[in-house]
PDB file of N, CA and C in Angstrom:
ATOM      1  N   MET A   1       0.954  -1.215  -0.072  1.00  0.00           N
ATOM      2  CA  MET A   1      -0.087  -0.028   0.086  1.00  0.00           C
ATOM      3  C   MET A   1       0.818   1.045  -0.023  1.00  0.00           C
ATOM      4  N   SER A   2       1.740   1.392  -0.993  1.00  0.00           N
ATOM      5  CA  SER A   2       2.631   2.583  -1.097  1.00  0.00           C
ATOM      6  C   SER A   2       2.118   3.556  -2.271  1.00  0.00           C
ATOM      7  N   ARG A   3       1.128   4.427  -1.621  1.00  0.00           N
ATOM      8  CA  ARG A   3       0.371   5.475  -2.154  1.00  0.00           C
ATOM      9  C   ARG A   3       1.210   6.901  -2.072  1.00  0.00           C
ATOM     10  N   LYS A   4       1.358   7.543  -3.055  1.00  0.00           N
ATOM     11  CA  LYS A   4       1.937   9.001  -2.740  1.00  0.00           C
ATOM     12  C   LYS A   4       0.869   9.750  -2.044  1.00  0.00           C
ATOM     13  N   ARG A   5       1.219  10.244  -1.037  1.00  0.00           N
ATOM     14  CA  ARG A   5       0.285  10.869  -0.084  1.00  0.00           C
ATOM     15  C   ARG A   5       0.721  12.594  -0.241  1.00  0.00           C
ATOM     16  N   THR A   6      -0.422  13.180  -0.846  1.00  0.00           N
ATOM     17  CA  THR A   6      -0.161  14.475  -1.208  1.00  0.00           C
ATOM     18  C   THR A   6      -1.063  15.402  -0.247  1.00  0.00           C
ATOM     19  N   ILE A   7      -2.106  14.893   0.410  1.00  0.00           N
ATOM     20  CA  ILE A   7      -3.000  15.721   1.030  1.00  0.00           C
ATOM     21  C   ILE A   7      -2.722  15.441   2.487  1.00  0.00           C
ATOM     22  N   GLN A   8      -2.782  16.627   3.201  1.00  0.00           N
ATOM     23  CA  GLN A   8      -2.395  16.575   4.707  1.00  0.00           C
ATOM     24  C   GLN A   8      -3.915  17.157   5.405  1.00  0.00           C
ATOM     25  N   LYS A   9      -4.227  16.362   6.309  1.00  0.00           N
ATOM     26  CA  LYS A   9      -5.483  16.762   7.175  1.00  0.00           C
ATOM     27  C   LYS A   9      -4.989  17.248   8.556  1.00  0.00           C
ATOM     28  N   ASN A  10      -5.553  18.282   9.214  1.00  0.00           N
ATOM     29  CA  ASN A  10      -5.229  18.627  10.540  1.00  0.00           C
ATOM     30  C   ASN A  10      -6.477  18.637  11.251  1.00  0.00           C
ATOM     31  N   ILE A  11      -6.371  17.607  12.394  1.00  0.00           N
ATOM     32  CA  ILE A  11      -7.718  17.719  13.330  1.00  0.00           C
ATOM     33  C   ILE A  11      -7.368  18.240  14.710  1.00  0.00           C
ATOM     34  N   ARG A  12      -8.283  18.502  15.319  1.00  0.00           N
ATOM     35  CA  ARG A  12      -8.351  19.099  16.597  1.00  0.00           C
ATOM     36  C   ARG A  12      -8.945  17.783  17.400  1.00  0.00           C
ATOM     37  N   LEU A  13      -8.273  17.519  18.595  1.00  0.00           N
ATOM     38  CA  LEU A  13      -8.457  16.357  19.496  1.00  0.00           C
ATOM     39  C   LEU A  13      -8.544  16.928  20.920  1.00  0.00           C
ATOM     40  N   SER A  14      -9.490  16.254  21.667  1.00  0.00           N
ATOM     41  CA  SER A  14      -9.277  16.666  23.143  1.00  0.00           C
ATOM     42  C   SER A  14      -8.026  16.042  23.652  1.00  0.00           C
ATOM     43  N   SER A  15      -7.632  16.381  24.858  1.00  0.00           N
ATOM     44  CA  SER A  15      -6.406  15.627  25.470  1.00  0.00           C
ATOM     45  C   SER A  15      -6.686  14.076  25.560  1.00  0.00           C
ATOM     46  N   GLU A  16      -8.073  13.892  25.926  1.00  0.00           N
ATOM     47  CA  GLU A  16      -8.398  12.462  26.275  1.00  0.00           C
ATOM     48  C   GLU A  16      -8.547  11.861  24.861  1.00  0.00           C
ATOM     49  N   GLU A  17      -8.809  12.296  23.858  1.00  0.00           N
ATOM     50  CA  GLU A  17      -8.852  11.591  22.444  1.00  0.00           C
ATOM     51  C   GLU A  17      -7.459  11.440  21.901  1.00  0.00           C
ATOM     52  N   ALA A  18      -6.632  12.417  22.133  1.00  0.00           N
ATOM     53  CA  ALA A  18      -5.283  12.400  21.783  1.00  0.00           C
ATOM     54  C   ALA A  18      -4.613  11.154  22.476  1.00  0.00           C
ATOM     55  N   GLU A  19      -4.716  11.183  23.789  1.00  0.00           N
ATOM     56  CA  GLU A  19      -4.083  10.083  24.489  1.00  0.00           C
ATOM     57  C   GLU A  19      -4.550   8.577  24.111  1.00  0.00           C
ATOM     58  N   LYS A  20      -5.826   8.555  23.771  1.00  0.00           N
ATOM     59  CA  LYS A  20      -6.460   7.202  23.232  1.00  0.00           C
ATOM     60  C   LYS A  20      -5.779   6.943  21.822  1.00  0.00           C
ATOM     61  N   LEU A  21      -5.635   7.738  21.099  1.00  0.00           N
ATOM     62  CA  LEU A  21      -5.142   7.633  19.807  1.00  0.00           C
ATOM     63  C   LEU A  21      -3.640   7.039  19.938  1.00  0.00           C
ATOM     64  N   SER A  22      -2.895   7.978  20.738  1.00  0.00           N
ATOM     65  CA  SER A  22      -1.548   7.364  20.970  1.00  0.00           C
ATOM     66  C   SER A  22      -1.509   5.975  21.700  1.00  0.00           C
ATOM     67  N   SER A  23      -2.417   5.698  22.486  1.00  0.00           N
ATOM     68  CA  SER A  23      -2.304   4.473  23.104  1.00  0.00           C
ATOM     69  C   SER A  23      -2.706   3.276  22.133  1.00  0.00           C
ATOM     70  N   PHE A  24      -3.812   3.629  21.425  1.00  0.00           N
ATOM     71  CA  PHE A  24      -4.095   2.369  20.416  1.00  0.00           C
ATOM     72  C   PHE A  24      -3.167   2.232  19.369  1.00  0.00           C
ATOM     73  N   ALA A  25      -2.334   3.354  18.838  1.00  0.00           N
ATOM     74  CA  ALA A  25      -1.377   3.213  17.838  1.00  0.00           C
ATOM     75  C   ALA A  25      -0.250   2.447  18.402  1.00  0.00           C
ATOM     76  N   ASN A  26       0.274   2.810  19.849  1.00  0.00           N
ATOM     77  CA  ASN A  26       1.394   2.218  20.350  1.00  0.00           C
ATOM     78  C   ASN A  26       1.073   0.743  20.463  1.00  0.00           C
ATOM     79  N   LYS A  27      -0.124   0.316  20.998  1.00  0.00           N
ATOM     80  CA  LYS A  27      -0.586  -1.137  21.165  1.00  0.00           C
ATOM     81  C   LYS A  27      -0.461  -1.672  20.069  1.00  0.00           C
ATOM     82  N   ALA A  28      -0.803  -1.114  18.661  1.00  0.00           N
ATOM     83  CA  ALA A  28      -0.783  -1.949  17.711  1.00  0.00           C
ATOM     84  C   ALA A  28       0.441  -1.817  16.970  1.00  0.00           C
ATOM     85  N   GLY A  29       1.533  -1.215  17.587  1.00  0.00           N
ATOM     86  CA  GLY A  29       2.868  -0.831  17.039  1.00  0.00           C
ATOM     87  C   GLY A  29       3.032  -0.306  15.823  1.00  0.00           C
ATOM     88  N   ILE A  30       2.160   0.696  15.491  1.00  0.00           N
ATOM     89  CA  ILE A  30       2.294   1.429  14.351  1.00  0.00           C
ATOM     90  C   ILE A  30       2.186   2.884  14.705  1.00  0.00           C
ATOM     91  N   SER A  31       2.328   3.802  13.579  1.00  0.00           N
ATOM     92  CA  SER A  31       2.411   5.227  13.984  1.00  0.00           C
ATOM     93  C   SER A  31       0.850   5.752  14.085  1.00  0.00           C
ATOM     94  N   GLU A  32       0.439   6.867  14.595  1.00  0.00           N
ATOM     95  CA  GLU A  32      -0.721   7.391  14.617  1.00  0.00           C
ATOM     96  C   GLU A  32      -1.552   7.668  13.291  1.00  0.00           C
ATOM     97  N   GLY A  33      -0.709   7.893  12.404  1.00  0.00           N
ATOM     98  CA  GLY A  33      -1.223   8.330  10.915  1.00  0.00           C
ATOM     99  C   GLY A  33      -1.580   6.926  10.240  1.00  0.00           C
ATOM    100  N   GLU A  34      -0.543   5.954  10.515  1.00  0.00           N
ATOM    101  CA  GLU A  34      -1.016   4.608   9.814  1.00  0.00           C
ATOM    102  C   GLU A  34      -2.247   4.006  10.566  1.00  0.00           C
ATOM    103  N   TYR A  35      -2.168   4.383  11.749  1.00  0.00           N
ATOM    104  CA  TYR A  35      -3.547   3.723  12.517  1.00  0.00           C
ATOM    105  C   TYR A  35      -4.714   4.379  12.045  1.00  0.00           C
ATOM    106  N   ILE A  36      -4.814   5.685  11.781  1.00  0.00           N
ATOM    107  CA  ILE A  36      -5.879   6.385  11.194  1.00  0.00           C
ATOM    108  C   ILE A  36      -6.151   5.914   9.679  1.00  0.00           C
ATOM    109  N   ARG A  37      -5.115   5.707   8.804  1.00  0.00           N
ATOM    110  CA  ARG A  37      -5.194   5.267   7.712  1.00  0.00           C
ATOM    111  C   ARG A  37      -6.097   3.792   7.632  1.00  0.00           C
ATOM    112  N   ARG A  38      -5.504   2.930   8.580  1.00  0.00           N
ATOM    113  CA  ARG A  38      -6.036   1.636   8.454  1.00  0.00           C
ATOM    114  C   ARG A  38      -7.466   1.581   8.984  1.00  0.00           C
ATOM    115  N   LEU A  39      -7.859   2.509   9.848  1.00  0.00           N
ATOM    116  CA  LEU A  39      -9.396   2.518  10.272  1.00  0.00           C
ATOM    117  C   LEU A  39     -10.115   3.027   8.976  1.00  0.00           C
ATOM    118  N   ILE A  40      -9.609   3.812   8.094  1.00  0.00           N
ATOM    119  CA  ILE A  40     -10.330   4.562   7.029  1.00  0.00           C
ATOM    120  C   ILE A  40     -10.588   3.324   6.028  1.00  0.00           C
ATOM    121  N   ALA A  41      -9.571   2.480   5.810  1.00  0.00           N
ATOM    122  CA  ALA A  41      -9.517   1.471   4.938  1.00  0.00           C
ATOM    123  C   ALA A  41     -10.459   0.312   5.394  1.00  0.00           C
ATOM    124  N   ASP A  42     -10.560   0.205   6.730  1.00  0.00           N
ATOM    125  CA  ASP A  42     -11.469  -0.896   7.237  1.00  0.00           C
ATOM    126  C   ASP A  42     -12.045  -0.564   8.394  1.00  0.00           C
ATOM    127  N   PRO A  43     -13.039   0.208   8.419  1.00  0.00           N
ATOM    128  CA  PRO A  43     -13.465   0.867   9.805  1.00  0.00           C
ATOM    129  C   PRO A  43     -14.101  -0.057  10.797  1.00  0.00           C
ATOM    130  N   LYS A  44     -14.270  -1.437  10.410  1.00  0.00           N
ATOM    131  CA  LYS A  44     -14.674  -2.304  11.241  1.00  0.00           C
ATOM    132  C   LYS A  44     -13.732  -3.340  11.985  1.00  0.00           C
ATOM    133  N   HIS A  45     -12.488  -3.083  11.442  1.00  0.00           N
ATOM    134  CA  HIS A  45     -11.204  -3.729  12.043  1.00  0.00           C
ATOM    135  C   HIS A  45     -10.873  -3.186  13.302  1.00  0.00           C
ATOM    136  N   VAL A  46     -10.428  -3.744  14.380  1.00  0.00           N
ATOM    137  CA  VAL A  46      -9.825  -3.334  15.583  1.00  0.00           C
ATOM    138  C   VAL A  46      -8.395  -3.761  15.651  1.00  0.00           C
ATOM    139  N   PHE A  47      -7.639  -2.855  15.802  1.00  0.00           N
ATOM    140  CA  PHE A  47      -6.155  -3.175  15.928  1.00  0.00           C
ATOM    141  C   PHE A  47      -5.897  -3.355  17.264  1.00  0.00           C
ATOM    142  N   THR A  48      -5.173  -4.386  17.427  1.00  0.00           N
ATOM    143  CA  THR A  48      -4.576  -4.956  18.884  1.00  0.00           C
ATOM    144  C   THR A  48      -3.240  -5.347  18.815  1.00  0.00           C
ATOM    145  N   ASP A  49      -2.619  -5.668  19.883  1.00  0.00           N
ATOM    146  CA  ASP A  49      -1.367  -6.347  19.895  1.00  0.00           C
ATOM    147  C   ASP A  49      -1.505  -7.617  19.151  1.00  0.00           C
ATOM    148  N   GLU A  50      -2.568  -8.289  19.490  1.00  0.00           N
ATOM    149  CA  GLU A  50      -2.903  -9.815  18.916  1.00  0.00           C
ATOM    150  C   GLU A  50      -2.957  -9.567  17.573  1.00  0.00           C
ATOM    151  N   THR A  51      -3.382  -8.742  16.931  1.00  0.00           N
ATOM    152  CA  THR A  51      -3.767  -8.404  15.449  1.00  0.00           C
ATOM    153  C   THR A  51      -2.152  -8.272  15.132  1.00  0.00           C
ATOM    154  N   ASN A  52      -1.421  -7.515  15.514  1.00  0.00           N
ATOM    155  CA  ASN A  52      -0.016  -7.158  15.066  1.00  0.00           C
ATOM    156  C   ASN A  52       0.845  -8.386  15.143  1.00  0.00           C
ATOM    157  N   ASN A  53       0.752  -9.078  16.309  1.00  0.00           N
ATOM    158  CA  ASN A  53       1.447 -10.384  16.334  1.00  0.00           C
ATOM    159  C   ASN A  53       1.167 -11.450  15.539  1.00  0.00           C
ATOM    160  N   LEU A  54      -0.175 -11.491  15.074  1.00  0.00           N
ATOM    161  CA  LEU A  54      -0.524 -12.475  14.078  1.00  0.00           C
ATOM    162  C   LEU A  54       0.191 -12.208  12.748  1.00  0.00           C
ATOM    163  N   TYR A  55       0.199 -10.882  12.550  1.00  0.00           N
ATOM    164  CA  TYR A  55       0.665 -10.434  11.210  1.00  0.00           C
ATOM    165  C   TYR A  55       2.189 -10.946  11.229  1.00  0.00           C
ATOM    166  N   ARG A  56       2.879 -10.472  12.327  1.00  0.00           N
ATOM    167  CA  ARG A  56       4.251 -10.891  12.476  1.00  0.00           C
ATOM    168  C   ARG A  56       4.550 -12.255  12.311  1.00  0.00           C
ATOM    169  N   LEU A  57       3.720 -13.277  13.079  1.00  0.00           N
ATOM    170  CA  LEU A  57       3.775 -14.620  12.773  1.00  0.00           C
ATOM    171  C   LEU A  57       3.736 -15.120  11.269  1.00  0.00           C
ATOM    172  N   TYR A  58       2.630 -14.507  10.669  1.00  0.00           N
ATOM    173  CA  TYR A  58       2.493 -14.801   9.243  1.00  0.00           C
ATOM    174  C   TYR A  58       3.721 -14.696   8.490  1.00  0.00           C
ATOM    175  N   ARG A  59       4.159 -13.507   8.450  1.00  0.00           N
ATOM    176  CA  ARG A  59       5.404 -13.069   7.928  1.00  0.00           C
ATOM    177  C   ARG A  59       6.625 -14.085   8.203  1.00  0.00           C
ATOM    178  N   GLU A  60       6.690 -14.386   9.499  1.00  0.00           N
ATOM    179  CA  GLU A  60       7.976 -15.339   9.838  1.00  0.00           C
ATOM    180  C   GLU A  60       7.427 -16.736   9.170  1.00  0.00           C
ATOM    181  N   TYR A  61       6.372 -17.044   9.158  1.00  0.00           N
ATOM    182  CA  TYR A  61       6.090 -18.496   8.559  1.00  0.00           C
ATOM    183  C   TYR A  61       6.305 -18.455   6.971  1.00  0.00           C
ATOM    184  N   LYS A  62       5.918 -17.363   6.442  1.00  0.00           N
ATOM    185  CA  LYS A  62       6.108 -17.244   4.961  1.00  0.00           C
ATOM    186  C   LYS A  62       7.753 -17.238   4.633  1.00  0.00           C
ATOM    187  N   ARG A  63       8.463 -16.635   5.566  1.00  0.00           N
ATOM    188  CA  ARG A  63      10.016 -16.527   5.402  1.00  0.00           C
ATOM    189  C   ARG A  63      10.613 -17.968   5.546  1.00  0.00           C
ATOM    190  N   GLN A  64       9.922 -18.667   6.668  1.00  0.00           N
ATOM    191  CA  GLN A  64      10.421 -19.881   6.884  1.00  0.00           C
ATOM    192  C   GLN A  64      10.135 -21.104   5.598  1.00  0.00           C
ATOM    193  N   GLY A  65       9.000 -20.786   4.903  1.00  0.00           N
ATOM    194  CA  GLY A  65       8.503 -21.527   4.032  1.00  0.00           C
ATOM    195  C   GLY A  65       9.329 -21.411   2.750  1.00  0.00           C
ATOM    196  N   VAL A  66       9.772 -20.019   2.588  1.00  0.00           N
ATOM    197  CA  VAL A  66      10.765 -19.698   1.587  1.00  0.00           C
ATOM    198  C   VAL A  66      12.084 -20.512   1.624  1.00  0.00           C
ATOM    199  N   LEU A  67      12.596 -20.394   3.001  1.00  0.00           N
ATOM    200  CA  LEU A  67      13.792 -21.094   3.302  1.00  0.00           C
ATOM    201  C   LEU A  67      13.614 -22.481   3.028  1.00  0.00           C
ATOM    202  N   LEU A  68      12.418 -23.092   3.437  1.00  0.00           N
ATOM    203  CA  LEU A  68      12.323 -24.576   3.434  1.00  0.00           C
ATOM    204  C   LEU A  68      12.446 -25.026   1.947  1.00  0.00           C
ATOM    205  N   GLY A  69      11.894 -23.962   0.998  1.00  0.00           N
ATOM    206  CA  GLY A  69      11.824 -24.350  -0.402  1.00  0.00           C
ATOM    207  C   GLY A  69      12.960 -24.351  -0.947  1.00  0.00           C
ATOM    208  N   LYS A  70      13.861 -23.365  -0.522  1.00  0.00           N
ATOM    209  CA  LYS A  70      15.263 -23.202  -1.005  1.00  0.00           C
ATOM    210  C   LYS A  70      15.975 -24.570  -0.561  1.00  0.00           C
ATOM    211  N   ILE A  71      15.859 -25.080   0.608  1.00  0.00           N
ATOM    212  CA  ILE A  71      16.513 -26.321   1.211  1.00  0.00           C
ATOM    213  C   ILE A  71      16.254 -27.415   0.258  1.00  0.00           C
ATOM    214  N   ALA A  72      14.889 -27.692  -0.002  1.00  0.00           N
ATOM    215  CA  ALA A  72      14.310 -28.712  -0.862  1.00  0.00           C
ATOM    216  C   ALA A  72      14.903 -28.565  -2.403  1.00  0.00           C
ATOM    217  N   HIS A  73      15.081 -27.461  -2.705  1.00  0.00           N
ATOM    218  CA  HIS A  73      15.789 -27.392  -4.071  1.00  0.00           C
ATOM    219  C   HIS A  73      17.178 -27.782  -4.240  1.00  0.00           C
ATOM    220  N   VAL A  74      17.714 -27.262  -3.253  1.00  0.00           N
ATOM    221  CA  VAL A  74      19.330 -27.899  -3.105  1.00  0.00           C
ATOM    222  C   VAL A  74      19.402 -29.428  -2.885  1.00  0.00           C
ATOM    223  N   ILE A  75      18.421 -30.062  -2.012  1.00  0.00           N
ATOM    224  CA  ILE A  75      18.569 -31.395  -1.808  1.00  0.00           C
ATOM    225  C   ILE A  75      18.042 -32.001  -3.294  1.00  0.00           C
ATOM    226  N   GLU A  76      17.117 -31.507  -3.909  1.00  0.00           N
ATOM    227  CA  GLU A  76      16.716 -32.226  -5.147  1.00  0.00           C
ATOM    228  C   GLU A  76      17.744 -32.164  -6.277  1.00  0.00           C
ATOM    229  N   ASP A  77      18.632 -31.008  -6.276  1.00  0.00           N
ATOM    230  CA  ASP A  77      19.778 -30.907  -7.158  1.00  0.00           C
ATOM    231  C   ASP A  77      20.958 -31.517  -7.046  1.00  0.00           C
ATOM    232  N   GLY A  78      21.230 -31.875  -5.550  1.00  0.00           N
ATOM    233  CA  GLY A  78      22.355 -32.148  -5.111  1.00  0.00           C
ATOM    234  C   GLY A  78      22.468 -33.771  -5.129  1.00  0.00           C
TER     235      GLY A  78
END
């Protein structure tokens, strides 16, 4: 999702809202701007540590699958 972002929006938040936004983004392990962009893309989605951890696990399993494929290829050729 690498789109050129040319429009900037400035919003006013109460101190409580700003704290919540910071807290939610920190818990999800992403920036506040990315948190808002993801909410816009999928308003029903809730970002949590668990969601972020599942994504990390997915990436790790994918990486291990690639490495396993390379090992299988070497064994097959060897």
